[in-house]
N, C-alpha and C. Protein backbone atom coordinates (compact mmCIF):
# COMPACT_ATOMS: atom_id res chain seq x y z
N MET A 1 -39.11 10.00 -9.01
CA MET A 1 -39.07 9.52 -7.82
C MET A 1 -37.94 10.52 -6.85
N GLU A 2 -38.23 11.39 -5.56
CA GLU A 2 -37.13 11.80 -5.00
C GLU A 2 -37.58 11.65 -3.74
N ILE A 3 -36.03 11.27 -3.80
CA ILE A 3 -35.00 11.07 -2.50
C ILE A 3 -34.82 12.31 -1.60
N ILE A 4 -36.00 12.47 -0.99
CA ILE A 4 -36.28 13.30 0.47
C ILE A 4 -34.80 12.97 1.90
N ASN A 5 -34.71 12.33 1.94
CA ASN A 5 -33.66 11.92 3.14
C ASN A 5 -32.57 11.22 3.01
N ARG A 6 -31.52 11.76 2.16
CA ARG A 6 -30.93 10.58 1.64
C ARG A 6 -29.79 10.79 3.36
N GLN A 7 -29.26 8.83 3.59
CA GLN A 7 -28.63 9.18 4.09
C GLN A 7 -27.15 8.26 3.02
N GLU A 8 -26.56 9.10 3.87
CA GLU A 8 -24.30 8.24 3.07
C GLU A 8 -24.09 7.58 3.77
N ALA A 9 -22.82 6.50 4.52
CA ALA A 9 -22.40 6.57 4.86
C ALA A 9 -21.74 5.36 4.55
N LEU A 10 -20.29 5.29 4.82
CA LEU A 10 -19.22 3.78 4.37
C LEU A 10 -19.41 3.13 5.00
N LEU A 11 -19.48 2.16 4.82
CA LEU A 11 -19.65 0.65 5.72
C LEU A 11 -18.33 -0.20 5.45
N THR A 12 -17.77 -0.92 6.35
CA THR A 12 -16.91 -1.41 6.82
C THR A 12 -17.40 -3.33 6.44
N ASN A 13 -16.40 -4.20 6.13
CA ASN A 13 -16.95 -5.33 6.13
C ASN A 13 -17.38 -5.89 6.40
N TYR A 14 -17.20 -5.34 7.63
CA TYR A 14 -17.13 -6.08 9.49
C TYR A 14 -18.28 -5.30 9.94
N GLU A 15 -18.75 -3.65 9.24
CA GLU A 15 -20.00 -3.79 9.98
C GLU A 15 -21.35 -4.38 8.51
N VAL A 16 -21.30 -4.86 7.29
CA VAL A 16 -21.76 -5.77 6.57
C VAL A 16 -21.94 -6.36 7.30
N TYR A 17 -20.67 -7.32 7.58
CA TYR A 17 -20.91 -8.81 8.09
C TYR A 17 -22.05 -9.37 9.41
N LYS A 18 -21.51 -8.47 9.74
CA LYS A 18 -22.45 -8.24 11.56
C LYS A 18 -23.90 -7.61 11.14
N VAL A 19 -23.88 -7.27 10.03
CA VAL A 19 -25.55 -6.89 10.04
C VAL A 19 -25.95 -8.53 9.21
N LEU A 20 -25.85 -8.58 8.33
CA LEU A 20 -25.85 -10.00 8.32
C LEU A 20 -25.74 -11.36 8.58
N LYS A 21 -25.77 -10.92 9.70
CA LYS A 21 -24.95 -12.52 10.49
C LYS A 21 -26.44 -12.07 11.18
N GLU A 22 -26.26 -11.26 12.29
CA GLU A 22 -27.57 -11.16 12.55
C GLU A 22 -28.95 -10.87 11.78
N GLU A 23 -28.99 -10.75 11.06
CA GLU A 23 -30.68 -11.31 9.75
C GLU A 23 -30.30 -12.58 9.31
N ASP A 24 -29.19 -13.53 9.22
CA ASP A 24 -29.45 -15.10 9.04
C ASP A 24 -29.76 -15.34 10.47
N ASP A 25 -29.01 -14.88 11.61
CA ASP A 25 -30.39 -15.84 12.97
C ASP A 25 -31.27 -15.21 12.96
N ARG A 26 -31.78 -13.89 12.76
CA ARG A 26 -33.08 -14.42 12.77
C ARG A 26 -34.00 -14.74 11.94
N HIS A 27 -33.29 -14.12 10.58
CA HIS A 27 -34.09 -15.45 9.89
C HIS A 27 -34.33 -16.53 9.78
N LYS A 28 -33.25 -17.83 10.62
CA LYS A 28 -33.09 -18.85 11.11
C LYS A 28 -34.30 -18.79 12.41
N ALA A 29 -34.23 -17.89 13.29
CA ALA A 29 -35.31 -18.39 14.66
C ALA A 29 -36.09 -17.63 13.71
N ILE A 30 -36.64 -17.25 13.14
CA ILE A 30 -38.31 -17.34 12.70
C ILE A 30 -38.80 -18.26 11.34
N LYS A 31 -36.79 -18.83 10.79
CA LYS A 31 -38.00 -20.29 9.65
C LYS A 31 -38.47 -21.40 10.85
N THR A 32 -37.62 -21.44 12.37
CA THR A 32 -38.43 -22.47 13.19
C THR A 32 -39.23 -22.20 13.55
N THR A 33 -39.99 -21.51 13.69
CA THR A 33 -41.28 -20.40 14.49
C THR A 33 -42.13 -21.17 13.92
N THR A 34 -41.61 -19.89 12.69
CA THR A 34 -43.30 -20.16 11.47
C THR A 34 -42.67 -20.74 10.72
N LYS A 35 -43.95 -20.82 9.55
CA LYS A 35 -44.00 -21.36 7.89
C LYS A 35 -43.56 -19.72 6.68
N THR A 36 -42.89 -18.59 7.25
CA THR A 36 -42.97 -17.41 6.89
C THR A 36 -41.59 -17.86 5.57
N LYS A 37 -41.54 -17.10 4.54
CA LYS A 37 -40.70 -17.65 3.35
C LYS A 37 -40.06 -16.31 2.86
N TYR A 38 -38.84 -16.51 4.17
CA TYR A 38 -38.01 -15.64 2.26
C TYR A 38 -38.25 -15.37 0.65
N PRO A 39 -37.66 -14.71 0.11
CA PRO A 39 -37.59 -14.85 -1.01
C PRO A 39 -36.65 -15.38 -1.47
N GLU A 40 -36.16 -15.90 -2.41
CA GLU A 40 -34.48 -17.03 -2.72
C GLU A 40 -34.31 -15.95 -2.90
N ASN A 41 -33.93 -15.06 -3.82
CA ASN A 41 -33.56 -14.38 -3.89
C ASN A 41 -32.46 -14.14 -3.00
N VAL A 42 -32.89 -13.26 -1.43
CA VAL A 42 -32.40 -12.99 -0.93
C VAL A 42 -31.71 -13.66 0.57
N THR A 43 -32.04 -14.40 0.15
CA THR A 43 -31.45 -15.98 1.29
C THR A 43 -29.71 -16.72 0.35
N THR A 44 -29.99 -15.71 -1.59
CA THR A 44 -29.11 -16.84 -1.68
C THR A 44 -27.93 -15.12 -1.85
N LEU A 45 -28.91 -13.76 -1.95
CA LEU A 45 -28.11 -12.40 -1.59
C LEU A 45 -27.06 -12.91 -0.60
N LYS A 46 -28.24 -13.19 0.93
CA LYS A 46 -27.18 -12.79 1.79
C LYS A 46 -26.10 -14.59 2.50
N PHE A 47 -27.07 -15.43 1.63
CA PHE A 47 -25.48 -16.27 1.74
C PHE A 47 -24.53 -16.25 1.22
N GLU A 48 -24.08 -15.89 -0.41
CA GLU A 48 -23.59 -15.39 -0.31
C GLU A 48 -22.17 -14.18 0.35
N ALA A 49 -23.89 -13.60 0.02
CA ALA A 49 -22.03 -12.20 0.82
C ALA A 49 -21.55 -13.22 2.47
N LEU A 50 -22.65 -13.89 2.62
CA LEU A 50 -21.36 -14.50 4.20
C LEU A 50 -20.71 -15.22 3.86
N GLN A 51 -20.76 -16.41 2.72
CA GLN A 51 -19.87 -16.38 2.21
C GLN A 51 -18.57 -16.80 1.92
N TYR A 52 -18.70 -15.14 1.53
CA TYR A 52 -17.54 -14.11 0.82
C TYR A 52 -16.89 -13.78 1.86
N LEU A 53 -17.21 -12.66 2.85
CA LEU A 53 -17.51 -12.18 4.17
C LEU A 53 -16.63 -13.08 4.71
N ASN A 54 -16.89 -14.86 5.23
CA ASN A 54 -16.28 -15.03 6.14
C ASN A 54 -14.71 -15.26 5.29
N GLY A 55 -14.11 -15.20 4.47
CA GLY A 55 -12.69 -15.47 3.67
C GLY A 55 -11.72 -13.61 4.29
N THR A 56 -12.59 -12.75 4.06
CA THR A 56 -11.96 -11.69 4.71
C THR A 56 -11.46 -11.89 6.76
N ALA A 57 -10.98 -10.80 6.64
CA ALA A 57 -10.34 -10.41 7.63
C ALA A 57 -11.00 -10.20 8.06
N CYS A 58 -12.81 -9.48 8.01
CA CYS A 58 -13.69 -9.21 8.82
C CYS A 58 -13.79 -9.49 9.85
N THR A 59 -13.76 -10.81 9.66
CA THR A 59 -14.32 -11.88 10.65
C THR A 59 -13.09 -12.15 12.25
N THR A 60 -11.87 -12.17 11.97
CA THR A 60 -12.06 -11.58 12.93
C THR A 60 -11.15 -9.73 13.64
N GLN A 61 -12.12 -9.13 12.85
CA GLN A 61 -12.45 -7.26 13.37
C GLN A 61 -12.66 -7.25 14.07
N SER A 62 -13.08 -6.61 15.24
CA SER A 62 -13.43 -5.74 16.56
C SER A 62 -13.97 -4.34 16.00
N ALA A 63 -15.24 -3.65 16.54
CA ALA A 63 -15.53 -2.44 16.97
C ALA A 63 -14.51 -1.90 17.44
N ASP A 64 -14.43 -2.38 18.20
CA ASP A 64 -12.61 -1.67 18.96
C ASP A 64 -11.94 -1.09 17.91
N GLN A 65 -11.43 -2.61 17.90
CA GLN A 65 -10.16 -3.08 16.85
C GLN A 65 -10.47 -1.21 15.58
N ILE A 66 -11.22 -1.86 14.91
CA ILE A 66 -11.48 -0.63 13.63
C ILE A 66 -12.08 0.49 14.79
N ALA A 67 -12.51 1.43 15.69
CA ALA A 67 -12.33 2.91 16.01
C ALA A 67 -11.43 3.04 15.76
N LEU A 68 -10.30 2.43 16.22
CA LEU A 68 -9.00 2.59 17.62
C LEU A 68 -8.13 3.38 16.09
N LEU A 69 -8.46 2.28 15.21
CA LEU A 69 -7.15 2.18 13.71
C LEU A 69 -8.38 2.98 12.77
N LYS A 70 -9.21 4.22 13.26
CA LYS A 70 -9.76 5.06 12.04
C LYS A 70 -8.91 6.31 13.35
N SER A 71 -8.51 6.26 14.32
CA SER A 71 -8.23 7.41 15.25
C SER A 71 -6.41 7.63 14.48
N GLN A 72 -5.94 6.71 14.92
CA GLN A 72 -4.74 6.52 14.42
C GLN A 72 -4.66 6.74 12.82
N LEU A 73 -5.56 6.87 11.75
CA LEU A 73 -4.93 6.69 10.88
C LEU A 73 -5.39 8.05 10.03
N LEU A 74 -6.36 9.14 11.58
CA LEU A 74 -6.87 10.33 11.28
C LEU A 74 -5.13 11.69 10.83
N GLU A 75 -4.56 11.26 11.63
CA GLU A 75 -2.86 11.79 11.19
C GLU A 75 -1.96 11.94 9.94
N TYR A 76 -2.83 9.94 9.15
CA TYR A 76 -2.08 10.82 8.07
C TYR A 76 -2.83 11.25 6.51
N ASP A 77 -3.99 12.50 7.43
CA ASP A 77 -4.08 12.29 5.66
C ASP A 77 -5.12 11.85 5.19
N LEU A 78 -5.68 10.48 5.27
CA LEU A 78 -6.21 9.82 4.44
C LEU A 78 -7.48 9.91 4.22
N THR A 79 -8.12 10.24 2.62
CA THR A 79 -9.74 9.96 2.22
C THR A 79 -10.33 9.20 3.33
N LYS A 80 -11.37 9.62 3.71
CA LYS A 80 -12.65 8.07 3.94
C LYS A 80 -12.29 6.83 3.49
N ALA A 81 -12.66 6.83 1.57
CA ALA A 81 -12.17 5.72 0.96
C ALA A 81 -11.33 5.71 1.29
N GLU A 82 -10.30 5.97 1.59
CA GLU A 82 -8.75 5.05 1.80
C GLU A 82 -9.03 4.37 3.09
N ILE A 83 -9.42 4.95 4.02
CA ILE A 83 -9.21 4.79 4.54
C ILE A 83 -10.53 3.18 5.24
N LEU A 84 -11.49 3.16 4.38
CA LEU A 84 -12.22 1.86 4.68
C LEU A 84 -11.66 0.93 3.63
N GLN A 85 -11.21 1.26 3.17
CA GLN A 85 -9.92 -0.09 2.07
C GLN A 85 -9.19 -0.88 2.66
N ILE A 86 -8.47 0.28 3.40
CA ILE A 86 -7.12 0.09 4.93
C ILE A 86 -7.83 -0.66 5.48
N ILE A 87 -8.69 -1.11 5.97
CA ILE A 87 -9.77 -1.64 6.90
C ILE A 87 -10.25 -2.74 6.11
N ASN A 88 -10.75 -2.83 4.85
CA ASN A 88 -11.93 -3.68 4.64
C ASN A 88 -9.87 -4.91 4.02
N LEU A 89 -9.47 -4.49 2.94
CA LEU A 89 -8.66 -4.95 2.56
C LEU A 89 -7.21 -5.23 4.00
N ARG A 90 -7.28 -4.54 4.87
CA ARG A 90 -6.38 -5.13 5.49
C ARG A 90 -5.03 -5.29 4.69
N PRO A 91 -4.25 -4.31 4.19
CA PRO A 91 -2.72 -4.45 3.79
C PRO A 91 -1.66 -4.63 4.12
N LYS A 92 -0.72 -5.85 3.55
CA LYS A 92 -0.31 -6.60 4.62
C LYS A 92 1.81 -5.93 3.91
N ALA A 93 1.31 -4.63 2.26
CA ALA A 93 2.76 -5.00 1.96
C ALA A 93 2.36 -4.04 1.19
N PRO A 94 3.71 -2.49 0.66
CA PRO A 94 3.79 -1.84 0.65
C PRO A 94 2.77 -1.29 -0.48
N VAL A 95 3.27 -2.58 -1.41
CA VAL A 95 2.86 -1.96 -2.71
C VAL A 95 1.17 -2.50 -3.30
N GLU A 96 0.66 -3.27 -2.30
CA GLU A 96 -1.14 -3.10 -1.15
C GLU A 96 -1.43 -2.02 -1.30
N LEU A 97 -0.41 -1.31 -0.40
CA LEU A 97 -1.11 0.37 -0.64
C LEU A 97 -1.38 1.71 -1.20
N HIS A 98 -0.49 1.38 -2.26
CA HIS A 98 -0.28 1.88 -3.55
C HIS A 98 -0.85 1.65 -4.38
N LEU A 99 -1.77 0.89 -3.78
CA LEU A 99 -2.96 0.26 -4.99
C LEU A 99 -4.15 1.25 -3.84
N ILE A 100 -3.97 1.57 -2.76
CA ILE A 100 -5.91 1.35 -2.08
C ILE A 100 -5.80 3.67 -2.03
N ILE A 101 -4.41 3.93 -1.66
CA ILE A 101 -3.67 4.55 -1.60
C ILE A 101 -3.63 5.75 -2.78
N GLU A 102 -4.85 6.64 -3.25
CA GLU A 102 -4.29 7.44 -4.81
C GLU A 102 -3.05 8.57 -4.82
N GLU A 103 -2.39 8.26 -5.57
CA GLU A 103 -0.76 9.17 -5.60
C GLU A 103 -0.05 9.00 -3.79
N CYS A 104 0.30 8.22 -3.42
CA CYS A 104 0.70 7.65 -3.14
C CYS A 104 2.18 7.67 -2.35
N GLY A 105 2.83 7.16 -3.99
CA GLY A 105 4.62 7.75 -3.92
C GLY A 105 5.16 8.71 -3.74
N GLU A 106 3.71 10.02 -4.04
CA GLU A 106 3.54 12.05 -3.67
C GLU A 106 3.75 11.71 -2.80
N ARG A 107 2.34 11.17 -2.08
CA ARG A 107 2.20 11.61 -0.87
C ARG A 107 3.35 11.18 0.52
N PHE A 108 3.56 9.91 0.14
CA PHE A 108 3.96 9.40 1.58
C PHE A 108 5.63 8.87 0.92
N ALA A 109 6.42 8.62 2.30
CA ALA A 109 8.02 7.83 1.98
C ALA A 109 7.61 6.99 2.46
N ILE A 110 8.84 6.25 1.91
CA ILE A 110 8.65 4.40 2.52
C ILE A 110 8.50 4.35 3.55
N GLU A 111 9.00 5.52 4.22
CA GLU A 111 9.25 4.75 6.13
C GLU A 111 7.56 5.08 6.12
N ASP A 112 7.04 5.79 6.49
CA ASP A 112 5.74 6.48 6.28
C ASP A 112 4.64 4.74 5.94
N LEU A 113 5.34 4.77 4.72
CA LEU A 113 4.10 3.93 4.19
C LEU A 113 4.79 2.72 5.25
N GLU A 114 6.05 1.62 5.83
CA GLU A 114 6.43 1.01 5.81
C GLU A 114 5.84 0.45 7.89
N GLU A 115 5.25 2.60 8.36
CA GLU A 115 5.13 2.51 9.78
C GLU A 115 3.65 2.35 9.92
N LEU A 116 2.77 2.98 8.77
CA LEU A 116 1.62 2.62 8.95
C LEU A 116 1.47 1.05 8.35
N LEU A 117 2.03 0.11 7.76
CA LEU A 117 2.30 -1.41 8.45
C LEU A 117 1.96 -1.77 9.28
N GLU A 118 2.87 -1.01 9.88
CA GLU A 118 3.37 -1.89 11.04
C GLU A 118 2.01 -1.37 12.14
N LEU A 119 1.51 -0.06 12.08
CA LEU A 119 0.53 0.24 12.99
C LEU A 119 -0.73 -0.54 12.28
N ILE A 120 -1.13 -1.15 11.24
CA ILE A 120 -2.56 -1.97 10.67
C ILE A 120 -2.31 -3.52 10.77
N LEU A 121 -0.92 -3.71 10.97
CA LEU A 121 -1.47 -4.83 10.85
C LEU A 121 -1.22 -5.53 12.92
N ALA A 122 -0.62 -4.21 13.86
CA ALA A 122 -0.81 -3.74 15.59
C ALA A 122 -1.93 -4.20 16.14
N THR A 123 -2.43 -2.82 14.79
CA THR A 123 -4.58 -3.01 15.16
C THR A 123 -4.90 -3.94 15.09
N LEU A 124 -5.05 -4.08 13.52
CA LEU A 124 -6.19 -5.06 12.94
C LEU A 124 -5.44 -6.89 13.11
N PRO A 125 -5.31 -7.55 14.39
CA PRO A 125 -4.08 -9.13 13.95
C PRO A 125 -5.17 -9.61 13.30
N HIS A 126 -4.84 -10.97 12.25
CA HIS A 126 -5.66 -11.17 11.33
C HIS A 126 -4.28 -12.75 11.93
N ASN A 127 -5.47 -14.22 12.21
CA ASN A 127 -5.14 -15.84 12.48
C ASN A 127 -4.11 -16.06 10.92
N ASP A 128 -4.24 -15.20 9.87
CA ASP A 128 -2.92 -16.05 9.03
C ASP A 128 -1.98 -15.33 9.01
N ASP A 129 -1.73 -13.94 9.96
CA ASP A 129 -0.52 -13.56 10.05
C ASP A 129 0.47 -14.62 10.54
N SER A 130 0.06 -15.79 11.70
CA SER A 130 0.39 -17.07 12.49
C SER A 130 0.59 -17.87 11.19
N ASP A 131 -0.26 -17.77 10.79
CA ASP A 131 0.26 -19.26 9.90
C ASP A 131 1.60 -19.07 8.52
N ALA A 132 1.14 -17.99 8.37
CA ALA A 132 2.56 -17.14 7.41
C ALA A 132 3.61 -17.45 8.19
N ALA A 133 3.68 -16.83 9.28
CA ALA A 133 4.86 -16.85 10.36
C ALA A 133 5.57 -18.46 10.22
N ASP A 134 4.69 -19.60 10.79
CA ASP A 134 5.14 -20.39 11.38
C ASP A 134 5.63 -21.42 10.02
N ALA A 135 4.53 -21.01 8.66
CA ALA A 135 5.13 -21.10 7.26
C ALA A 135 7.07 -20.76 7.11
N ASN A 136 7.36 -19.32 7.48
CA ASN A 136 8.61 -19.29 7.09
C ASN A 136 9.25 -19.29 8.44
N ALA A 137 9.05 -19.83 9.13
CA ALA A 137 9.56 -20.57 10.45
C ALA A 137 10.96 -21.53 10.06
N ASP A 138 10.82 -21.89 9.45
CA ASP A 138 12.54 -22.87 8.94
C ASP A 138 13.20 -22.01 8.13
N GLY A 139 13.98 -21.35 7.89
CA GLY A 139 14.38 -20.79 7.35
C GLY A 139 13.83 -19.35 6.18
N ASP A 140 14.25 -19.68 5.27
CA ASP A 140 14.02 -18.25 4.31
C ASP A 140 13.13 -18.97 3.68
N GLY A 141 11.32 -19.36 4.07
CA GLY A 141 10.14 -19.31 3.68
C GLY A 141 9.94 -19.79 1.86
N GLU A 142 11.27 -20.64 1.69
CA GLU A 142 11.40 -20.65 0.06
C GLU A 142 10.64 -22.10 -0.11
N THR A 143 9.99 -22.91 -0.39
CA THR A 143 9.52 -24.49 -0.55
C THR A 143 10.27 -24.96 -0.78
N GLU A 144 10.75 -26.49 -0.84
CA GLU A 144 11.08 -27.67 -1.35
C GLU A 144 10.81 -28.10 -2.62
N PRO A 145 11.31 -28.14 -3.92
CA PRO A 145 10.98 -28.97 -5.18
C PRO A 145 10.27 -30.69 -5.02
N ARG A 146 9.30 -30.91 -5.04
CA ARG A 146 8.30 -32.07 -4.84
C ARG A 146 10.04 -33.19 -6.04
N ASP A 147 10.02 -34.13 -5.99
CA ASP A 147 10.73 -35.17 -7.00
C ASP A 147 8.73 -36.04 -6.66
N ASN A 148 8.77 -35.46 -7.80
CA ASN A 148 6.79 -35.97 -8.56
C ASN A 148 8.17 -37.54 -9.92
N ALA A 149 8.72 -37.80 -9.80
CA ALA A 149 8.76 -38.80 -10.55
C ALA A 149 8.82 -40.39 -10.58
N ASN A 150 8.71 -40.75 -8.40
CA ASN A 150 7.87 -41.58 -8.27
C ASN A 150 6.13 -42.06 -7.87
N SER A 151 6.33 -40.52 -8.09
CA SER A 151 5.10 -39.39 -7.00
C SER A 151 3.33 -40.43 -7.92
N SER A 152 3.75 -40.74 -9.37
CA SER A 152 2.64 -41.15 -10.53
C SER A 152 2.77 -42.62 -10.09
N ASN A 153 1.17 -42.91 -10.14
CA ASN A 153 0.88 -44.53 -9.90
C ASN A 153 0.78 -45.19 -11.50
N MET A 154 0.58 -43.66 -12.83
CA MET A 154 0.56 -44.58 -14.76
C MET A 154 1.67 -44.89 -14.85
N ASP A 155 1.31 -46.54 -15.59
CA ASP A 155 2.56 -46.94 -15.63
C ASP A 155 2.04 -46.20 -17.47
N VAL A 156 3.56 -46.02 -17.98
CA VAL A 156 3.67 -45.08 -18.64
C VAL A 156 3.81 -46.10 -20.60
N ASP A 157 4.02 -47.22 -19.82
CA ASP A 157 4.49 -48.32 -21.26
C ASP A 157 3.53 -49.05 -21.81
N ASN A 158 2.16 -48.97 -20.29
CA ASN A 158 0.94 -49.34 -21.13
C ASN A 158 -0.12 -47.71 -21.62
N LEU A 159 0.66 -46.87 -21.30
CA LEU A 159 -0.57 -45.73 -22.23
C LEU A 159 -1.30 -46.70 -23.91
N SER A 160 -2.63 -46.48 -24.15
CA SER A 160 -2.69 -46.83 -25.22
C SER A 160 -2.54 -45.43 -26.83
N GLY A 161 -2.54 -45.26 -27.42
CA GLY A 161 -2.70 -44.63 -28.98
C GLY A 161 -4.00 -44.04 -29.02
N ASP A 162 -4.28 -44.15 -28.01
CA ASP A 162 -5.89 -42.99 -28.41
C ASP A 162 -6.02 -42.13 -28.20
N LEU A 163 -4.92 -41.52 -27.74
CA LEU A 163 -4.98 -39.75 -27.52
C LEU A 163 -5.76 -39.11 -28.78
């Protein structure tokens, strides 16, 4: 087989989510009006992909936010793949940037990474940021240990020796 017209594109999770969501809506509309059946493997793949993407930051992103972030990231001399991973993974800590950006320690100073993280968090806000802020609002963010001694309903004296 010879490929004559090859199109190469990198898609963000947002773009994939949008296409799958539109296809799912179209499939549901067709399903209610006709008896056309989609292949089961296609339906399963679409369902599992949407289920995964619903748990990621792409559900709260918009095309405008992504375009703005892409233009702002150009000044950092990142590759297309690195920009794509930043958009998809939405890093929140310098260690995550080190995993995404090749030779990150050699290419960027710590201050640059902090600036990059601030830019990402400001441009691609996500509703879990407010959850994390609420969890840390009471102080140092550490949780108090639970007293499990009285929380058990099991009577230790009446355990059978059949184990």
